[in-house]
C-alpha cells in the first residue's frame, strides 16, 4: 500500500489557485464560448457537446494550478462520489471546474491502473472512507493525497490494464451495435412511412382513439406490495417500460386480494400497448409480449389496438419523434408531468395499409433477434469484466 500523493505528480482542485474571494474576483465563468474550457464531470456524459462552461485567458492563467492538458484523471468529490473520468485531448486550453479533483501521473500506465482501481468496488469504498457529510458526501484533495492504495509492480499494472482495456473495448463495441440496430429500426420506419407532417404517401391520418378498442389507465389506488411472489401478482408501473420493452426482471408484486379487485376492471392482454403517462419519460410505449396475468398502476395507460393496426407498428409510431412532440404540447401538471387520457386519445398518427405495417413488424422482429444475440455477448463480456475487477482489486 502506498499513499496516492507519493505516487502521483499532482493532486489538485479548483481552489488550489486562491481563496474563494480571489477566485470570484479573477475567474470569469460563462456559458458563452471563450478562451478556455472549464471541465466539469457532467461534460463527460454528453461528450463535451452541450452545457459547456468557459473562462477567459486571465481566468485560465489565474487557475494555473489546475490547468488540464489531456490524460489526467478527474474524480467527482462532492455528491456523486466514485465517478472517475479520463480527460480527453481536445487541442484547446482547458482548466478544472469546481466539485472535482484532478490526478496527474508520471505515465499513462499508472493513470490507467488508477482509473480502473477507482472504478472498482474497493476503490469506491476507499473514497467513501475519506468522505464526510450526511446529506451530501464530499472529500478534499488533502485526504485524497493521504489515501493508501495498492500499487503493484509496473509489469503487473500493464497486464491488468491491457486485459481490462480489451474487455472495455468489446463492451463499448457491443453497446454501439445495439444503438445502431435501434437507429436502423428508426431509419426503416421513416423510409417506409415518411412523416406525419409530409405524408408524401398520402396515408390516412387518424387519432389514437380511432385504432383502439380500449384506452384506460391503471388503478389510482396506492398499491400495497408483497414479498410473497409465489402467491402475489405482478404490478407494473411506468418505470417498467422505459426501454420500450417491458422489464420483467424488476417487477413488484401485490397481494391476491388487491389483484382480484383491480383485475375485475382491467385485464391486460397479449399485444396490448402499455404507455407511460407521467414523469419525465412520459409517452414511452411497449408491447405486452406475454399471456401472464398482471395489473397496472395509474402511471401506465393501456391501449388495446384494433385489427387495423399492427401492435409493433403502433408501438413504434407512439415512440416516434413526431408523436412525442404532440405529447409535449399536451402535457399537463406543474410538478410531475402527466398525459391525460383525453390528450392521448386525440393524438394524431399515420395509418398505412396493414400489409406495410406487417412488413415493418417482421423487420423489427428480425432486428430484435440480432439485438438479443448482441445483448447476450454484451452481458457475457460485462460479467467477465466485473469478475476480473473483483479479482484484481477485490
Protein backbone atom coordinates (compact mmCIF):
# COMPACT_ATOMS: atom_id res chain seq x y z
CA UNK A 1 0.00 0.00 0.00
CA UNK A 2 1.30 3.43 -0.94
CA UNK A 3 -0.10 6.89 -0.35
CA UNK A 4 -1.64 8.32 -3.51
CA UNK A 5 0.21 11.59 -3.04
CA UNK A 6 3.53 9.73 -3.10
CA UNK A 7 2.95 8.04 -6.47
CA UNK A 8 1.26 10.90 -8.38
CA UNK A 9 2.81 14.04 -9.86
CA UNK A 10 -0.09 16.25 -8.86
CA UNK A 11 -3.39 16.05 -6.99
CA UNK A 12 -5.24 19.34 -7.08
CA UNK A 13 -8.61 21.06 -7.38
CA UNK A 14 -10.26 24.30 -8.48
CA UNK A 15 -9.50 26.19 -5.25
CA UNK A 16 -5.76 25.41 -5.38
CA UNK A 17 -5.01 28.77 -7.01
CA UNK A 18 -6.51 31.09 -4.41
CA UNK A 19 -9.20 31.88 -1.88
CA UNK A 20 -12.87 31.92 -2.83
CA UNK A 21 -12.75 35.72 -2.82
CA UNK A 22 -9.75 35.74 -5.17
CA UNK A 23 -11.36 33.18 -7.44
CA UNK A 24 -14.57 35.20 -7.64
CA UNK A 25 -12.62 38.34 -8.50
CA UNK A 26 -10.31 36.79 -11.10
CA UNK A 27 -12.16 33.93 -12.76
CA UNK A 28 -14.88 34.70 -15.27
CA UNK A 29 -17.34 31.80 -15.56
CA UNK A 30 -19.58 31.91 -18.61
CA UNK A 31 -21.67 29.64 -20.82
CA UNK A 32 -20.55 31.61 -23.88
CA UNK A 33 -17.60 30.33 -25.92
CA UNK A 34 -14.35 31.82 -24.58
CA UNK A 35 -10.61 31.22 -24.28
CA UNK A 36 -10.57 28.09 -22.09
CA UNK A 37 -12.97 25.26 -21.37
CA UNK A 38 -13.76 24.67 -17.69
CA UNK A 39 -14.08 20.88 -17.46
CA UNK A 40 -16.97 19.55 -15.33
CA UNK A 41 -17.80 15.92 -14.60
CA UNK A 42 -21.14 16.43 -16.40
CA UNK A 43 -19.26 17.14 -19.64
CA UNK A 44 -18.15 13.52 -19.95
CA UNK A 45 -21.70 12.15 -20.12
CA UNK A 46 -22.60 14.30 -23.13
CA UNK A 47 -19.27 14.01 -24.94
CA UNK A 48 -18.40 17.69 -24.42
CA UNK A 49 -21.18 18.73 -26.79
CA UNK A 50 -23.58 20.82 -24.68
CA UNK A 51 -23.89 22.74 -21.43
CA UNK A 52 -20.21 23.71 -21.55
CA UNK A 53 -18.61 26.31 -19.27
CA UNK A 54 -15.75 28.66 -20.18
CA UNK A 55 -13.37 31.23 -18.74
CA UNK A 56 -11.24 33.95 -20.34
CA UNK A 57 -7.46 33.97 -20.71
CA UNK A 58 -6.96 35.81 -17.42
CA UNK A 59 -9.07 33.25 -15.58
CA UNK A 60 -7.19 30.41 -17.23
CA UNK A 61 -3.83 31.86 -16.23
CA UNK A 62 -5.05 32.55 -12.70
CA UNK A 63 -6.08 28.87 -12.42
CA UNK A 64 -2.61 27.69 -13.45
CA UNK A 65 -2.50 25.15 -10.61
CA UNK A 66 -5.43 23.22 -12.07
CA UNK A 67 -4.97 23.59 -15.82
CA UNK A 68 -5.63 20.45 -17.88
CA UNK A 69 -3.80 19.22 -20.96
CA UNK A 70 -5.47 15.86 -21.58
CA UNK A 71 -4.78 12.50 -19.99
CA UNK A 72 -5.44 13.49 -16.38
CA UNK A 73 -7.92 11.70 -14.14
CA UNK A 74 -10.86 13.60 -12.67
CA UNK A 75 -12.75 12.35 -9.62
CA UNK A 76 -16.05 13.79 -8.50
CA UNK A 77 -15.54 14.76 -4.86
CA UNK A 78 -18.94 16.21 -3.96
CA UNK A 79 -22.23 14.32 -4.17
CA UNK A 80 -21.55 11.65 -6.81
CA UNK A 81 -18.56 10.12 -5.07
CA UNK A 82 -16.90 7.38 -7.11
CA UNK A 83 -17.26 8.82 -10.60
CA UNK A 84 -13.90 8.83 -12.38
CA UNK A 85 -13.03 10.09 -15.87
CA UNK A 86 -10.04 10.46 -18.19
CA UNK A 87 -9.64 13.97 -19.61
CA UNK A 88 -9.67 13.82 -23.44
CA UNK A 89 -7.14 15.60 -25.64
CA UNK A 90 -9.27 18.42 -27.06
CA UNK A 91 -6.46 20.55 -28.53
CA UNK A 92 -7.58 23.68 -26.70
CA UNK A 93 -6.90 25.36 -23.32
CA UNK A 94 -8.71 23.56 -20.50
CA UNK A 95 -8.90 24.01 -16.76
CA UNK A 96 -10.65 22.24 -13.92
CA UNK A 97 -14.07 23.40 -12.75
CA UNK A 98 -15.28 23.08 -9.15
CA UNK A 99 -16.60 19.98 -7.35
CA UNK A 100 -13.89 17.63 -8.61
CA UNK A 101 -10.26 16.68 -8.02
CA UNK A 102 -7.61 16.16 -10.68
CA UNK A 103 -4.92 13.46 -10.53
CA UNK A 104 -1.87 13.69 -12.78
CA UNK A 105 0.52 10.73 -13.01
CA UNK A 106 4.04 10.44 -14.41
CA UNK A 107 2.94 7.90 -17.03
CA UNK A 108 -0.17 6.59 -18.75
CA UNK A 109 0.28 3.10 -17.30
CA UNK A 110 -0.20 4.23 -13.71
CA UNK A 111 -3.01 6.57 -14.75
CA UNK A 112 -4.92 3.73 -16.43
CA UNK A 113 -4.33 1.41 -13.49
CA UNK A 114 -5.69 4.04 -11.07
CA UNK A 115 -8.64 4.65 -13.40
CA UNK A 116 -9.73 1.03 -13.11
CA UNK A 117 -8.91 0.93 -9.41
CA UNK A 118 -11.27 3.83 -8.66
CA UNK A 119 -13.94 2.22 -10.86
CA UNK A 120 -13.78 -0.89 -8.69
CA UNK A 121 -15.84 -1.55 -5.59
CA UNK A 122 -12.73 -1.34 -3.42
CA UNK A 123 -11.77 2.00 -4.98
CA UNK A 124 -15.25 3.36 -4.31
CA UNK A 125 -15.10 2.17 -0.69
CA UNK A 126 -11.70 3.84 -0.30
CA UNK A 127 -13.13 7.15 -1.49
CA UNK A 128 -16.14 6.81 0.78
CA UNK A 129 -13.80 6.15 3.73
CA UNK A 130 -12.34 9.66 3.37
CA UNK A 131 -15.70 11.32 2.67
CA UNK A 132 -17.75 13.21 5.23
CA UNK A 133 -21.18 14.80 5.40
CA UNK A 134 -24.68 13.45 5.95
CA UNK A 135 -26.92 14.87 3.23
CA UNK A 136 -24.09 15.22 0.70
CA UNK A 137 -20.81 13.31 0.90
CA UNK A 138 -17.56 15.04 -0.02
CA UNK A 139 -13.81 14.66 0.32
CA UNK A 140 -10.90 17.04 -0.26
CA UNK A 141 -7.58 16.75 -2.06
CA UNK A 142 -5.62 16.63 1.20
CA UNK A 143 -7.40 13.46 2.31
CA UNK A 144 -7.08 12.00 -1.19
CA UNK A 145 -3.30 12.50 -1.13
CA UNK A 146 -3.10 10.51 2.11
CA UNK A 147 -5.28 7.68 0.77
CA UNK A 148 -3.42 4.36 0.69
CA UNK A 149 -3.90 2.33 -2.49
CA UNK A 150 -2.42 -0.98 -3.70
CA UNK A 151 0.23 -0.27 -6.34
CA UNK A 152 1.65 -3.47 -7.89
CA UNK A 153 4.82 -3.69 -9.97
CA UNK A 154 4.71 -1.84 -13.30
CA UNK A 155 4.56 -5.06 -15.32
CA UNK A 156 1.51 -6.20 -13.32
CA UNK A 157 -0.16 -2.81 -13.80
CA UNK A 158 0.33 -3.16 -17.57
CA UNK A 159 -1.14 -6.68 -17.61
CA UNK A 160 -4.20 -5.59 -15.64
CA UNK A 161 -4.79 -2.51 -17.81
CA UNK A 162 -4.26 -4.44 -21.06
CA UNK A 163 -6.82 -7.10 -20.12
CA UNK A 164 -9.42 -4.63 -18.86
CA UNK A 165 -8.90 -2.33 -21.87
CA UNK A 166 -9.63 -5.20 -24.26
CA UNK A 167 -12.80 -6.13 -22.40
CA UNK A 168 -13.90 -2.50 -22.16
CA UNK A 169 -13.38 -2.17 -25.92
CA UNK A 170 -15.58 -5.22 -26.53
CA UNK A 171 -18.27 -3.85 -24.20
CA UNK A 172 -18.22 -0.46 -25.94
CA UNK A 173 -18.41 -2.15 -29.34
CA UNK A 174 -21.43 -4.22 -28.30
CA UNK A 175 -23.16 -1.15 -26.88
CA UNK A 176 -22.53 0.68 -30.16
CA UNK A 177 -24.00 -2.26 -32.09
CA UNK A 178 -27.19 -2.07 -30.02
CA UNK A 179 -27.51 1.67 -30.67
CA UNK A 180 -27.01 1.18 -34.40
CA UNK A 181 -29.68 -1.52 -34.51
CA UNK A 182 -32.10 0.87 -32.79
CA UNK A 183 -31.18 3.57 -35.30
CA UNK A 184 -31.74 1.09 -38.12
CA UNK A 185 -35.32 0.49 -36.99
CA UNK A 186 -35.98 4.25 -36.80
CA UNK A 187 -34.49 4.78 -40.26
CA UNK A 188 -36.56 1.93 -41.71
CA UNK A 189 -39.70 3.42 -40.16
CA UNK A 190 -39.15 6.80 -41.84
CA UNK A 191 -38.13 5.11 -45.12
CA UNK A 192 -41.36 3.09 -45.26
CA UNK A 193 -43.86 5.55 -43.85
CA UNK A 194 -42.38 9.04 -44.09
CA UNK A 195 -43.60 11.61 -41.57
CA UNK A 196 -46.94 12.87 -40.36
CA UNK A 197 -46.06 16.37 -41.49
CA UNK A 198 -45.08 15.47 -45.06
CA UNK A 199 -47.23 12.34 -45.56
CA UNK A 200 -45.88 12.04 -49.08
CA UNK A 201 -47.52 8.60 -49.41
CA UNK A 202 -50.95 10.05 -48.61
CA UNK A 203 -51.65 7.56 -45.83
CA UNK A 204 -54.72 8.02 -43.64
CA UNK A 205 -54.21 10.29 -40.64
CA UNK A 206 -56.19 9.07 -37.64
CA UNK A 207 -56.31 9.62 -33.92
CA UNK A 208 -55.06 7.02 -31.44
CA UNK A 209 -58.67 6.65 -30.31
CA UNK A 210 -59.61 5.55 -33.85
CA UNK A 211 -57.33 2.49 -33.73
CA UNK A 212 -58.09 1.27 -30.19
CA UNK A 213 -60.96 -0.62 -28.61
CA UNK A 214 -59.80 0.31 -25.09
CA UNK A 215 -57.80 3.26 -23.75
CA UNK A 216 -57.64 3.19 -19.95
CA UNK A 217 -55.10 3.85 -17.25
CA UNK A 218 -54.32 1.67 -14.26
CA UNK A 219 -55.52 1.99 -10.71
CA UNK A 220 -55.25 5.29 -8.87
CA UNK A 221 -55.17 3.36 -5.61
CA UNK A 222 -51.80 3.40 -3.86
CA UNK A 223 -50.65 -0.22 -4.07
CA UNK A 224 -49.71 -2.39 -1.13
CA UNK A 225 -46.77 -4.55 -2.17
CA UNK A 226 -45.94 -8.06 -1.02
CA UNK A 227 -42.72 -10.07 -0.83
CA UNK A 228 -44.73 -13.25 -1.43
CA UNK A 229 -44.01 -13.51 -5.16
CA UNK A 230 -45.41 -17.04 -5.45
CA UNK A 231 -48.88 -16.04 -4.29
CA UNK A 232 -48.75 -12.39 -5.34
CA UNK A 233 -49.41 -10.84 -8.76
CA UNK A 234 -47.12 -8.70 -10.89
CA UNK A 235 -47.82 -4.98 -10.74
CA UNK A 236 -46.38 -2.74 -13.46
CA UNK A 237 -45.76 1.00 -13.42
CA UNK A 238 -44.16 3.46 -15.85
CA UNK A 239 -40.63 2.53 -14.75
CA UNK A 240 -41.16 -0.96 -16.20
CA UNK A 241 -41.47 0.22 -19.84
CA UNK A 242 -38.68 2.78 -20.04
CA UNK A 243 -36.62 0.73 -22.54
CA UNK A 244 -39.64 0.39 -24.88
CA UNK A 245 -39.82 -3.21 -23.71
CA UNK A 246 -41.38 -4.50 -20.50
CA UNK A 247 -38.69 -5.08 -17.89
CA UNK A 248 -39.94 -8.26 -16.27
CA UNK A 249 -36.82 -8.63 -14.13
CA UNK A 250 -37.61 -5.91 -11.59
CA UNK A 251 -41.38 -6.19 -11.24
CA UNK A 252 -43.09 -5.59 -7.90
CA UNK A 253 -45.94 -7.76 -6.61
CA UNK A 254 -49.30 -7.07 -4.96
CA UNK A 255 -51.35 -9.47 -2.80
CA UNK A 256 -54.12 -11.60 -4.32
CA UNK A 257 -56.93 -9.63 -2.63
CA UNK A 258 -55.89 -6.37 -4.30
CA UNK A 259 -55.28 -8.10 -7.64
CA UNK A 260 -58.81 -9.55 -7.70
CA UNK A 261 -60.24 -6.07 -7.20
CA UNK A 262 -58.09 -4.48 -9.92
CA UNK A 263 -58.30 -7.30 -12.44
CA UNK A 264 -62.09 -7.16 -12.39
CA UNK A 265 -61.95 -3.78 -14.15
CA UNK A 266 -58.89 -4.08 -16.42
CA UNK A 267 -57.42 -7.30 -17.81
CA UNK A 268 -54.24 -6.70 -19.85
CA UNK A 269 -53.89 -9.00 -22.88
CA UNK A 270 -51.05 -10.01 -25.19
CA UNK A 271 -50.34 -7.29 -27.80
CA UNK A 272 -51.82 -4.52 -25.65
CA UNK A 273 -49.70 -1.37 -25.65
CA UNK A 274 -48.52 -0.15 -22.25
CA UNK A 275 -47.51 3.51 -22.29
CA UNK A 276 -46.02 5.66 -19.54
CA UNK A 277 -48.24 8.68 -18.97
CA UNK A 278 -46.45 10.66 -16.30
CA UNK A 279 -43.00 11.56 -15.05
CA UNK A 280 -40.06 12.81 -17.11
CA UNK A 281 -40.26 9.84 -19.52
CA UNK A 282 -43.93 10.15 -20.41
CA UNK A 283 -45.02 8.74 -23.77
CA UNK A 284 -42.74 5.67 -23.84
CA UNK A 285 -44.61 2.62 -25.15
CA UNK A 286 -44.04 -1.15 -25.05
CA UNK A 287 -45.94 -4.15 -26.41
CA UNK A 288 -47.22 -6.68 -23.89
CA UNK A 289 -45.49 -9.84 -25.12
CA UNK A 290 -46.91 -12.30 -22.61
CA UNK A 291 -50.11 -14.05 -21.60
CA UNK A 292 -49.22 -13.61 -17.93
CA UNK A 293 -51.76 -12.08 -15.57
CA UNK A 294 -50.73 -8.73 -14.10
CA UNK A 295 -52.10 -5.35 -13.02
CA UNK A 296 -51.01 -1.79 -13.77
CA UNK A 297 -50.69 1.49 -11.90
CA UNK A 298 -52.15 4.85 -12.93
CA UNK A 299 -48.74 5.87 -14.34
CA UNK A 300 -49.44 3.48 -17.24
CA UNK A 301 -52.07 3.68 -19.94
CA UNK A 302 -53.32 0.52 -21.63
CA UNK A 303 -54.12 0.82 -25.33
CA UNK A 304 -55.76 -2.20 -26.98
CA UNK A 305 -55.22 -1.98 -30.76
CA UNK A 306 -57.89 -2.91 -33.28
CA UNK A 307 -57.06 -5.26 -36.14
CA UNK A 308 -56.40 -2.32 -38.44
CA UNK A 309 -53.09 -1.55 -36.70
CA UNK A 310 -50.16 -3.86 -36.03
CA UNK A 311 -49.05 -3.69 -32.36
CA UNK A 312 -45.35 -3.46 -33.29
CA UNK A 313 -46.02 -0.62 -35.73
CA UNK A 314 -48.29 1.01 -33.15
CA UNK A 315 -45.56 0.90 -30.50
CA UNK A 316 -43.01 2.43 -32.88
CA UNK A 317 -45.29 5.22 -34.06
CA UNK A 318 -46.07 6.12 -30.43
CA UNK A 319 -42.34 6.21 -29.65
CA UNK A 320 -41.59 8.32 -32.73
CA UNK A 321 -40.32 11.89 -32.53
CA UNK A 322 -43.48 13.33 -34.09
CA UNK A 323 -45.79 11.68 -31.57
CA UNK A 324 -43.51 12.76 -28.72
CA UNK A 325 -43.82 16.37 -29.95
CA UNK A 326 -47.60 16.11 -29.80
CA UNK A 327 -47.37 14.72 -26.27
CA UNK A 328 -45.08 17.61 -25.31
CA UNK A 329 -47.76 20.08 -26.35
CA UNK A 330 -50.46 18.13 -24.50
CA UNK A 331 -48.69 17.58 -21.20
CA UNK A 332 -50.39 18.74 -18.03
CA UNK A 333 -49.22 19.17 -14.45
CA UNK A 334 -46.96 21.61 -12.65
CA UNK A 335 -44.82 19.31 -10.51
CA UNK A 336 -44.97 15.91 -12.23
CA UNK A 337 -45.76 15.98 -15.98
CA UNK A 338 -48.89 13.98 -16.79
CA UNK A 339 -50.56 12.90 -20.03
CA UNK A 340 -54.33 12.79 -19.63
CA UNK A 341 -56.18 10.01 -21.42
CA UNK A 342 -58.15 12.58 -23.40
CA UNK A 343 -54.94 14.01 -24.84
CA UNK A 344 -53.64 10.55 -25.68
CA UNK A 345 -56.88 9.67 -27.49
CA UNK A 346 -56.79 12.68 -29.83
CA UNK A 347 -53.09 12.35 -30.72
CA UNK A 348 -52.70 12.01 -34.50
CA UNK A 349 -50.76 9.19 -36.21
CA UNK A 350 -50.30 7.78 -39.71
CA UNK A 351 -52.23 4.63 -40.58
CA UNK A 352 -50.56 2.91 -43.55
CA UNK A 353 -52.06 -0.24 -45.14
CA UNK A 354 -51.89 -3.20 -42.76
CA UNK A 355 -49.72 -5.12 -45.23
CA UNK A 356 -46.98 -2.50 -44.95
CA UNK A 357 -47.32 -2.41 -41.16
CA UNK A 358 -46.85 -6.18 -41.08
CA UNK A 359 -43.75 -5.95 -43.28
CA UNK A 360 -42.28 -3.40 -40.91
CA UNK A 361 -43.16 -5.56 -37.90
CA UNK A 362 -41.34 -8.52 -39.48
CA UNK A 363 -38.28 -6.33 -39.99
CA UNK A 364 -38.40 -5.22 -36.35
CA UNK A 365 -38.68 -8.82 -35.15
CA UNK A 366 -35.60 -9.83 -37.15
CA UNK A 367 -33.71 -6.84 -35.76
CA UNK A 368 -34.78 -7.82 -32.24
CA UNK A 369 -33.25 -11.27 -32.78
CA UNK A 370 -29.98 -9.60 -33.73
CA UNK A 371 -30.22 -7.39 -30.65
CA UNK A 372 -30.76 -10.40 -28.42
CA UNK A 373 -27.57 -12.02 -29.74
CA UNK A 374 -25.59 -8.79 -29.25
CA UNK A 375 -27.08 -8.29 -25.77
CA UNK A 376 -26.08 -11.82 -24.78
CA UNK A 377 -22.50 -11.17 -25.91
CA UNK A 378 -22.54 -7.84 -24.06
CA UNK A 379 -23.78 -9.46 -20.85
CA UNK A 380 -21.05 -12.12 -21.07
CA UNK A 381 -18.34 -9.50 -21.59
CA UNK A 382 -19.67 -7.37 -18.72
CA UNK A 383 -19.80 -10.40 -16.43
CA UNK A 384 -16.18 -11.25 -17.23
CA UNK A 385 -15.14 -7.60 -16.76
CA UNK A 386 -16.83 -7.45 -13.34
CA UNK A 387 -15.26 -10.76 -12.34
CA UNK A 388 -11.76 -9.58 -13.26
CA UNK A 389 -12.26 -6.26 -11.49
CA UNK A 390 -13.08 -8.27 -8.38
CA UNK A 391 -10.04 -10.50 -8.92
CA UNK A 392 -7.60 -7.62 -9.48
CA UNK A 393 -8.89 -5.17 -6.87
CA UNK A 394 -11.29 -7.04 -4.61
